[in-house]
Each structure stands twice: as C-alpha cells, then as structure tokens.
Protein backbone atom coordinates (compact mmCIF):
# COMPACT_ATOMS: atom_id res chain seq x y z
CA UNK A 1 -1.28 19.16 13.13
CA UNK A 2 -0.63 15.40 11.95
CA UNK A 3 2.09 15.00 9.67
CA UNK A 4 4.38 11.36 9.53
CA UNK A 5 7.39 10.74 7.46
CA UNK A 6 8.44 7.23 7.51
CA UNK A 7 11.86 6.13 7.75
CA UNK A 8 13.45 4.71 4.48
CA UNK A 9 12.12 1.58 2.75
CA UNK A 10 15.14 0.91 0.61
CA UNK A 11 15.19 -0.99 -2.47
CA UNK A 12 12.64 -3.65 -1.41
CA UNK A 13 9.99 -2.74 0.83
CA UNK A 14 8.58 -4.51 3.63
CA UNK A 15 5.81 -4.81 5.94
CA UNK A 16 5.79 -4.88 9.81
CA UNK A 17 4.92 -7.95 10.77
CA UNK A 18 1.46 -8.49 13.00
CA UNK A 19 0.98 -11.47 15.48
CA UNK A 20 -1.69 -13.31 15.28
CA UNK A 21 -5.04 -10.52 16.48
CA UNK A 22 -6.43 -11.63 20.03
CA UNK A 23 -8.83 -14.42 20.30
CA UNK A 24 -12.69 -13.43 19.45
CA UNK A 25 -11.93 -10.27 17.89
CA UNK A 26 -11.60 -11.53 14.52
CA UNK A 27 -14.70 -13.11 12.91
CA UNK A 28 -12.24 -15.51 10.96
CA UNK A 29 -15.73 -16.53 8.52
CA UNK A 30 -17.00 -13.52 7.66
CA UNK A 31 -13.12 -11.91 7.02
CA UNK A 32 -12.64 -15.45 4.73
CA UNK A 33 -16.65 -14.78 2.91
CA UNK A 34 -15.22 -10.76 2.16
CA UNK A 35 -12.04 -11.65 0.81
CA UNK A 36 -13.07 -14.63 -1.30
CA UNK A 37 -16.00 -11.97 -2.75
CA UNK A 38 -13.41 -9.53 -3.28
CA UNK A 39 -11.63 -12.17 -6.03
CA UNK A 40 -14.82 -12.58 -7.88
CA UNK A 41 -13.58 -16.34 -8.61
CA UNK A 42 -14.15 -18.15 -11.79
CA UNK A 43 -14.63 -21.71 -11.62
CA UNK A 44 -11.17 -23.83 -11.73
CA UNK A 45 -9.03 -20.45 -11.02
CA UNK A 46 -6.18 -21.56 -9.06
CA UNK A 47 -5.53 -19.72 -5.61
CA UNK A 48 -2.78 -20.09 -3.48
CA UNK A 49 -2.56 -18.72 -0.18
CA UNK A 50 0.99 -17.35 1.34
CA UNK A 51 1.96 -16.41 4.65
CA UNK A 52 3.88 -17.25 7.76
CA UNK A 53 2.70 -19.91 9.87
CA UNK A 54 1.97 -18.71 13.31
CA UNK A 55 0.66 -15.58 12.17
CA UNK A 56 -3.45 -15.77 11.16
CA UNK A 57 -3.77 -19.41 11.47
CA UNK A 58 -7.08 -19.73 12.29
CA UNK A 59 -8.16 -17.61 9.20
CA UNK A 60 -6.32 -20.27 6.97
CA UNK A 61 -9.12 -23.17 6.82
CA UNK A 62 -11.81 -20.64 6.31
CA UNK A 63 -10.20 -18.98 3.32
CA UNK A 64 -9.70 -22.39 1.90
CA UNK A 65 -13.01 -23.57 2.56
CA UNK A 66 -14.89 -20.52 0.85
CA UNK A 67 -12.35 -20.85 -1.94
CA UNK A 68 -13.67 -24.48 -2.60
CA UNK A 69 -17.12 -23.46 -2.33
CA UNK A 70 -16.63 -20.52 -4.77
CA UNK A 71 -15.56 -23.57 -7.21
CA UNK A 72 -11.80 -22.59 -7.60
CA UNK A 73 -8.78 -24.55 -7.19
CA UNK A 74 -7.14 -24.74 -3.62
CA UNK A 75 -3.59 -25.06 -3.70
CA UNK A 76 -3.18 -24.85 -0.37
CA UNK A 77 -1.41 -22.55 2.12
CA UNK A 78 2.39 -22.12 1.84
CA UNK A 79 4.57 -20.99 4.44
CA UNK A 80 7.71 -18.88 4.03
CA UNK A 81 8.65 -20.44 7.37
CA UNK A 82 10.13 -23.99 7.96
CA UNK A 83 6.88 -24.31 9.97
CA UNK A 84 4.01 -25.35 7.82
CA UNK A 85 0.46 -24.03 8.30
CA UNK A 86 -1.99 -27.25 9.61
CA UNK A 87 -3.36 -29.29 7.19
CA UNK A 88 -1.20 -28.12 3.67
CA UNK A 89 0.11 -30.57 2.39
CA UNK A 90 0.45 -31.98 -1.23
CA UNK A 91 2.79 -32.07 -4.32
CA UNK A 92 2.28 -28.51 -5.14
CA UNK A 93 3.14 -27.29 -1.84
CA UNK A 94 6.16 -29.92 -1.50
CA UNK A 95 7.43 -28.27 -4.38
CA UNK A 96 7.31 -25.02 -3.58
CA UNK A 97 8.75 -25.37 -0.15
CA UNK A 98 12.34 -26.70 -1.88
CA UNK A 99 12.33 -24.20 -4.67
CA UNK A 100 14.36 -20.80 -5.05
CA UNK A 101 12.94 -17.71 -6.52
CA UNK A 102 13.68 -18.59 -9.84
CA UNK A 103 11.97 -22.16 -9.85
CA UNK A 104 9.01 -20.47 -8.10
CA UNK A 105 8.17 -18.12 -10.59
CA UNK A 106 7.86 -20.81 -13.16
CA UNK A 107 6.08 -23.00 -10.63
CA UNK A 108 3.98 -20.15 -9.67
CA UNK A 109 2.85 -18.89 -13.38
CA UNK A 110 -0.32 -21.64 -12.53
CA UNK A 111 -1.71 -19.37 -10.07
CA UNK A 112 -4.43 -17.09 -11.11
CA UNK A 113 -4.38 -15.50 -8.20
CA UNK A 114 -2.29 -15.66 -4.22
CA UNK A 115 -3.58 -14.11 -1.20
CA UNK A 116 -0.16 -12.35 0.44
CA UNK A 117 -1.08 -13.29 4.42
CA UNK A 118 0.54 -11.29 7.51
CA UNK A 119 4.05 -12.51 7.82
CA UNK A 120 4.73 -12.87 4.23
CA UNK A 121 7.40 -10.48 3.14
CA UNK A 122 9.37 -9.35 -0.20
CA UNK A 123 12.49 -10.50 1.63
CA UNK A 124 11.07 -14.30 1.46
CA UNK A 125 11.51 -15.82 -2.13
CA UNK A 126 7.97 -17.07 -2.70
CA UNK A 127 6.98 -13.54 -2.17
CA UNK A 128 9.15 -12.17 -4.38
CA UNK A 129 9.13 -14.72 -7.37
CA UNK A 130 4.93 -13.41 -7.32
CA UNK A 131 6.20 -10.00 -7.40
CA UNK A 132 8.13 -11.31 -10.80
CA UNK A 133 5.40 -12.50 -12.04
CA UNK A 134 3.19 -9.43 -11.24
CA UNK A 135 6.00 -7.15 -12.68
CA UNK A 136 5.82 -9.39 -16.18
CA UNK A 137 1.91 -8.61 -15.90
CA UNK A 138 0.67 -12.17 -14.63
CA UNK A 139 -1.59 -12.99 -12.21
CA UNK A 140 -2.92 -10.98 -9.39
CA UNK A 141 -2.52 -10.86 -5.47
CA UNK A 142 -4.32 -9.98 -2.38
CA UNK A 143 -2.26 -8.63 0.38
CA UNK A 144 -4.11 -8.87 3.40
CA UNK A 145 -0.91 -7.56 5.85
CA UNK A 146 -2.90 -6.44 8.71
CA UNK A 147 -0.25 -3.92 9.38
CA UNK A 148 0.63 -0.59 8.31
CA UNK A 149 -0.48 1.41 11.71
CA UNK A 150 1.13 4.39 12.91
CA UNK A 151 1.11 6.68 15.85
CA UNK A 152 0.95 10.43 15.17
CA UNK A 153 4.65 10.42 15.21
CA UNK A 154 5.29 8.04 12.51
CA UNK A 155 6.26 4.97 14.86
CA UNK A 156 4.58 1.47 13.82
CA UNK A 157 2.08 0.21 16.60
CA UNK A 158 0.85 -2.95 17.93
CA UNK A 159 -2.48 -4.55 16.10
CA UNK A 160 -3.80 -4.30 19.26
CA UNK A 161 -7.86 -5.10 19.53
CA UNK A 162 -8.65 -1.36 18.80
CA UNK A 163 -6.54 -1.85 15.31
CA UNK A 164 -7.78 -5.42 14.40
CA UNK A 165 -11.79 -3.97 15.40
CA UNK A 166 -11.07 -1.16 13.10
CA UNK A 167 -9.55 -3.15 10.11
CA UNK A 168 -12.27 -5.69 10.34
CA UNK A 169 -15.00 -2.80 9.75
CA UNK A 170 -13.28 -1.58 7.02
CA UNK A 171 -12.89 -4.85 5.45
CA UNK A 172 -16.13 -6.06 5.70
CA UNK A 173 -18.47 -2.79 6.01
CA UNK A 174 -16.96 -0.73 3.48
CA UNK A 175 -19.49 0.58 0.74
CA UNK A 176 -16.92 -0.92 -2.24
CA UNK A 177 -19.19 0.49 -5.07
CA UNK A 178 -19.32 4.04 -3.55
CA UNK A 179 -15.32 3.73 -3.05
CA UNK A 180 -14.68 2.90 -6.30
CA UNK A 181 -17.33 5.36 -7.91
CA UNK A 182 -15.49 8.09 -5.79
CA UNK A 183 -11.94 7.08 -6.97
CA UNK A 184 -13.18 7.05 -10.59
CA UNK A 185 -14.53 10.66 -10.37
CA UNK A 186 -11.43 11.79 -8.55
CA UNK A 187 -8.95 10.62 -11.80
CA UNK A 188 -11.59 11.61 -14.15
CA UNK A 189 -11.60 15.11 -12.32
CA UNK A 190 -7.89 15.18 -12.28
CA UNK A 191 -6.87 14.13 -16.01
CA UNK A 192 -5.55 17.44 -17.55
CA UNK A 193 -5.90 19.46 -14.12
CA UNK A 194 -3.46 20.35 -11.97
CA UNK A 195 -3.50 18.67 -8.54
CA UNK A 196 -2.30 21.30 -5.45
CA UNK A 197 -1.48 20.23 -2.20
CA UNK A 198 -1.03 22.48 0.37
CA UNK A 199 -0.18 21.95 4.61
CA UNK A 200 -0.21 24.55 7.65
CA UNK A 201 3.39 23.98 7.95
CA UNK A 202 4.65 25.06 4.15
CA UNK A 203 4.01 22.29 1.90
CA UNK A 204 2.89 24.15 -1.28
CA UNK A 205 3.37 21.93 -4.16
CA UNK A 206 1.74 21.27 -7.85
CA UNK A 207 1.61 19.02 -10.35
CA UNK A 208 -0.06 17.07 -12.94
CA UNK A 209 -1.10 13.11 -13.87
CA UNK A 210 -1.58 13.73 -17.61
CA UNK A 211 -2.28 10.00 -18.60
CA UNK A 212 0.21 8.07 -15.78
CA UNK A 213 -2.26 5.15 -14.24
CA UNK A 214 -3.97 5.67 -11.25
CA UNK A 215 -4.17 2.46 -9.24
CA UNK A 216 -7.45 2.65 -7.36
CA UNK A 217 -7.48 0.02 -3.82
CA UNK A 218 -11.26 -0.15 -4.30
CA UNK A 219 -10.69 -4.15 -3.48
CA UNK A 220 -11.57 -5.38 -6.67
CA UNK A 221 -9.46 -8.00 -6.89
CA UNK A 222 -11.52 -9.75 -10.18
CA UNK A 223 -9.96 -11.43 -13.14
CA UNK A 224 -11.66 -8.86 -15.61
CA UNK A 225 -9.73 -6.14 -13.20
CA UNK A 226 -6.26 -7.32 -13.31
CA UNK A 227 -6.76 -7.32 -17.89
CA UNK A 228 -7.07 -3.36 -17.39
CA UNK A 229 -3.48 -3.52 -15.10
CA UNK A 230 -1.38 -0.80 -16.01
CA UNK A 231 1.51 -1.54 -13.91
CA UNK A 232 2.45 -4.01 -11.38
CA UNK A 233 0.73 -2.21 -8.54
CA UNK A 234 -2.61 -2.41 -9.93
CA UNK A 235 -1.93 -6.18 -9.94
CA UNK A 236 -1.75 -5.83 -5.87
CA UNK A 237 -5.04 -5.18 -4.48
CA UNK A 238 -4.72 -4.08 -0.94
CA UNK A 239 -7.50 -4.94 2.10
CA UNK A 240 -8.80 -3.48 3.84
CA UNK A 241 -9.07 -0.73 0.64
CA UNK A 242 -9.00 2.88 0.18
CA UNK A 243 -6.18 4.92 -1.69
CA UNK A 244 -5.54 6.15 -4.89
CA UNK A 245 -1.92 6.27 -5.98
CA UNK A 246 0.13 8.33 -8.78
CA UNK A 247 3.45 8.92 -10.28
CA UNK A 248 2.83 12.43 -11.44
CA UNK A 249 4.61 13.34 -14.53
CA UNK A 250 7.98 14.33 -13.16
CA UNK A 251 8.71 17.59 -15.11
CA UNK A 252 4.83 18.83 -13.59
CA UNK A 253 6.17 18.69 -10.22
CA UNK A 254 6.77 22.01 -8.50
CA UNK A 255 7.04 23.75 -5.45
CA UNK A 256 7.74 22.68 -1.62
CA UNK A 257 7.38 19.96 0.86
CA UNK A 258 7.49 20.77 4.53
CA UNK A 259 7.71 17.82 7.09
CA UNK A 260 7.52 17.48 10.45
CA UNK A 261 9.84 16.23 12.72
CA UNK A 262 11.08 13.10 11.51
CA UNK A 263 14.20 10.72 11.18
CA UNK A 264 16.55 11.19 8.59
CA UNK A 265 19.96 8.75 8.41
CA UNK A 266 18.80 7.73 12.03
CA UNK A 267 18.81 11.32 13.28
CA UNK A 268 15.96 13.56 14.21
CA UNK A 269 15.37 16.22 11.71
CA UNK A 270 13.17 19.65 12.62
CA UNK A 271 12.05 22.29 10.29
CA UNK A 272 12.97 20.64 6.83
CA UNK A 273 11.83 21.66 3.59
CA UNK A 274 12.54 20.52 0.22
CA UNK A 275 12.12 22.73 -3.10
CA UNK A 276 10.81 21.02 -6.08
CA UNK A 277 11.72 22.04 -9.67
CA UNK A 278 10.41 19.54 -12.65
CA UNK A 279 10.40 16.70 -10.28
CA UNK A 280 13.76 16.83 -8.38
CA UNK A 281 15.07 18.50 -5.08
CA UNK A 282 16.48 21.51 -5.89
CA UNK A 283 17.06 22.76 -2.69
CA UNK A 284 16.87 21.28 1.05
CA UNK A 285 16.87 23.75 4.07
CA UNK A 286 16.41 22.49 8.11
CA UNK A 287 16.50 24.05 11.46
CA UNK A 288 18.43 21.04 12.82
CA UNK A 289 19.78 17.84 11.28
CA UNK A 290 20.68 18.87 7.59
CA UNK A 291 23.31 16.91 7.86
CA UNK A 292 21.57 13.63 7.83
CA UNK A 293 19.01 14.57 5.45
CA UNK A 294 21.83 15.26 2.82
CA UNK A 295 23.72 11.68 3.90
CA UNK A 296 20.32 9.61 3.44
CA UNK A 297 19.43 11.53 0.39
CA UNK A 298 22.99 10.96 -1.41
CA UNK A 299 23.18 7.55 -0.30
CA UNK A 300 19.67 7.21 -2.25
CA UNK A 301 21.32 8.12 -5.29
CA UNK A 302 19.30 9.87 -7.79
CA UNK A 303 16.02 8.66 -6.74
CA UNK A 304 16.38 9.80 -2.97
CA UNK A 305 16.06 13.88 -4.96
CA UNK A 306 13.20 12.62 -6.96
CA UNK A 307 9.39 12.93 -6.43
CA UNK A 308 7.91 9.29 -6.31
CA UNK A 309 4.15 9.35 -5.85
CA UNK A 310 1.15 11.11 -4.60
CA UNK A 311 -1.34 9.29 -2.61
CA UNK A 312 -4.81 10.05 -1.32
CA UNK A 313 -7.18 8.04 1.13
CA UNK A 314 -10.62 7.96 0.49
CA UNK A 315 -11.92 5.22 2.64
CA UNK A 316 -14.22 6.82 5.79
CA UNK A 317 -13.97 3.83 7.71
CA UNK A 318 -9.88 4.22 7.89
CA UNK A 319 -10.17 7.72 8.95
CA UNK A 320 -7.86 9.13 11.74
CA UNK A 321 -10.08 8.87 14.89
CA UNK A 322 -10.85 12.22 16.83
CA UNK A 323 -9.46 10.24 20.39
CA UNK A 324 -6.99 8.38 20.72
CA UNK A 325 -5.67 9.37 17.23
CA UNK A 326 -3.80 7.03 15.30
CA UNK A 327 -2.85 6.07 11.44
CA UNK A 328 -4.68 3.24 9.59
CA UNK A 329 -3.12 1.34 7.02
CA UNK A 330 -0.40 3.03 5.63
CA UNK A 331 -2.71 6.06 5.07
CA UNK A 332 -5.94 4.18 3.31
CA UNK A 333 -8.39 6.53 5.38
CA UNK A 334 -10.29 9.39 3.86
CA UNK A 335 -8.25 12.61 3.73
CA UNK A 336 -4.83 11.48 4.38
CA UNK A 337 -2.05 12.58 1.83
CA UNK A 338 0.81 10.58 0.80
CA UNK A 339 3.87 12.90 -0.80
CA UNK A 340 6.56 10.10 -1.44
CA UNK A 341 10.22 10.05 -2.64
CA UNK A 342 11.82 7.59 -4.76
CA UNK A 343 11.38 5.07 -6.67
CA UNK A 344 8.16 5.39 -8.93
CA UNK A 345 8.53 2.35 -11.65
CA UNK A 346 6.31 -0.07 -10.48
CA UNK A 347 4.03 2.90 -10.59
CA UNK A 348 4.70 3.62 -14.51
CA UNK A 349 6.94 6.62 -13.75
CA UNK A 350 10.60 6.82 -14.92
CA UNK A 351 12.40 7.05 -11.73
CA UNK A 352 14.38 3.79 -10.60
CA UNK A 353 17.23 3.15 -8.07
CA UNK A 354 15.19 1.19 -5.21
CA UNK A 355 14.94 3.60 -2.80
CA UNK A 356 11.44 4.47 -1.52
CA UNK A 357 10.45 7.09 1.32
CA UNK A 358 6.62 7.27 1.90
CA UNK A 359 5.57 10.73 3.78
CA UNK A 360 2.22 11.09 5.34
CA UNK A 361 0.53 14.80 5.85
CA UNK A 362 -2.91 14.07 7.47
CA UNK A 363 -4.04 17.71 7.58
CA UNK A 364 -3.77 18.88 3.97
CA UNK A 365 -5.56 20.87 1.75
CA UNK A 366 -6.08 19.23 -2.25
CA UNK A 367 -7.27 21.27 -4.81
CA UNK A 368 -7.78 19.86 -8.01
CA UNK A 369 -8.48 22.33 -10.93
CA UNK A 370 -9.54 24.55 -8.47
CA UNK A 371 -11.83 22.62 -7.04
CA UNK A 372 -11.08 21.33 -3.56
CA UNK A 373 -11.55 17.48 -2.35
CA UNK A 374 -9.54 17.81 1.22
CA UNK A 375 -9.59 20.88 3.73
CA UNK A 376 -7.58 20.55 6.50
CA UNK A 377 -7.18 16.32 6.27
CA UNK A 378 -11.06 16.53 5.79
CA UNK A 379 -12.46 14.50 2.30
CA UNK A 380 -14.99 16.60 1.15
CA UNK A 381 -17.88 14.75 -0.16
CA UNK A 382 -18.58 15.36 -3.82
C-alpha cells in the first residue's frame, strides 16, 4: 500500500531546492521551446525569469531566446542570490536587485508573466512580490521548480538522471489538449455531486465542491486563461502539469482519513486516524505518537484542524513507476490523491491561518456521484 504524508509547511510554503541536473540529460532548447509555447505569448508581453544563479543556468539563454523569437519583451533573468545569471544586466534588473518586497511589487506590475525557475522560493522578496500581485489578480506565472520528487516514505529525493528524464518526458510529451479535456470532464462531473475517497487502510471521506474554483493544472499559461482565474493558484501554472486542485465546501466534509506512518511535530506516528464533521477534525486516534499530532495541530490553530484541499493527479507520464517506485512532481501523476489540512484561502476556501500539510495517497479509490474515477490508485479511462 502506498501513502505519503508530508511534513507541515508553515505559513509560507517552500519548494525543495534542486541542483543543476546532470549534463547531457536535459535538452535545453526543447524545454525552453515548450515552456514558451505554454505561455502563448502575445507580441509585446513582458517576460521575467526569476531563479537562483547556479541552478539551471544553461536553460536561461535558450529560454530568453525563445521569448524574443515569440515577439515578447525579454526582461532578463533575475537571481534571488547575490550571484547574477550570465548576460543578465539591464536597468530593470538593476532596480530589481536593490528593491525590497514592496518596491519589487510595484516594479513587477509591468511584468505580464514570470517564470519561476529552480531555486527561487517564497522566502525570497522577489518571489513574494510576484505572489502579492497574483493575489491581487494581476499577472501570471509559470512554476518550473524541477523538484517535488519523493520516495514512498515521504522523504524528498535528489533530482537524479531518472527524475530529470521523467520530468523532461512529461514536459515535452504530455498531450496537453487531452489532459485539459480530462480535467474539464472531471470538473463538470463533480459539480453537484458527492466525491467519495476510500483507501484500504481506512480512509472514508466524502465532500462536495459546489461552485468552488477547480484549478486545472493543464499547462495553459496563456493570458486568456489568466482572465478566467478565480483564485491565486489559477495564476500559478505548474510545469510539468497534471493535477486538479479544489477546496471543498467546508461544511460538506465528513468522514475519516487514515494516515500511514508519518512524522508529526518531529515524531513518528503510527495508526493515525482523523475524524471530520463539517470540515473540522473532531477526534484523533493513533496507536503511537498521539501527543505529537495533538501538539502540531494545537500549534497550528484553527487551520490545523481544518480540511484544506482535494487534489487528483491526471498525467499518465507522471504516474508512480511500477519498478523502483517513487512519487513524481508533488503527486501530479495519474491516480495520486492529495487530502490536505490547513489554510485553503489561496484556493478560494474560507480557512486562513497559514498552516498547510499535504498528505498523499496512492492507492485510493475515488468515486464521483457513484461513478468510479480512480480504483486502487489507478486512474480509469473515461
């Protein structure tokens, strides 16, 4: 049985930093061309690259060239560290390098789309400034982190040749139209219906999404798509692509989540079950480590005992491999389920407080209105 409960991400979520991938593994020009295609750039749009010099430096010139070839305005590549990307010197970047979060927010109002490259995180003022603008309904971003790989015990793993090859395949070979169509079909099927998630370990939880925004990570980072955004994460387009994300109506969430052995408040917890009524945790049980769970939830405030998010992966190219199994890109692979706790305000929910804990389940069964979409971790063809 496969489950994953990630350690909590408090207040500001960060991404596992990734080292430069091994030489010869990545086709930089093909990757740059695909990223640019997913932007659907219009002539004159202003594009900023934001990353950390020393990570994915070889992608930067190819991506800047592709942006220019598309007729957009290349604002260069801004590094969140004191080291600059080679060839990235301009009055705009000089201003950005000296600005604090508030000043950067005003500077970035003229940026139509930013590409968040590996190494940049919410703890960096430039990244945070872009997030502030997204939260105000301005601009759009591509998140190209090249991270988010985990073993089946929930430990982050290095971006090896195997991980890089899988991510590149997913990026370059995904049928984006088919991915979008399947996600659209799921959304339309789920409106007005009950979603029911079960696992062999004992998860048995139900909820409805009503008219809540369903963020479809289908790789569409176009300006037209951004005009349809209903929440912050609708403006954050992940590449590789693959999952839908939604905050269910809080008062419809009823049932039980059964967790694998996982770490809470620094301690390993076994046999953990949480019982939900109207979206709130009303009882917690564990064979070992109950006090650690209670301590983490108490420390998180109201958000800690609140259901956050349902996410479901749709991309077959990011599915968990049968041999040498690992979990690609934050569970965006076909059939992977995420049942999260905490703040869901960025998804359009009503829970605030900053605490977020992602919990992944890879042998779940998901039914929508009585129709099975996922069976024992396998996404069914529809």
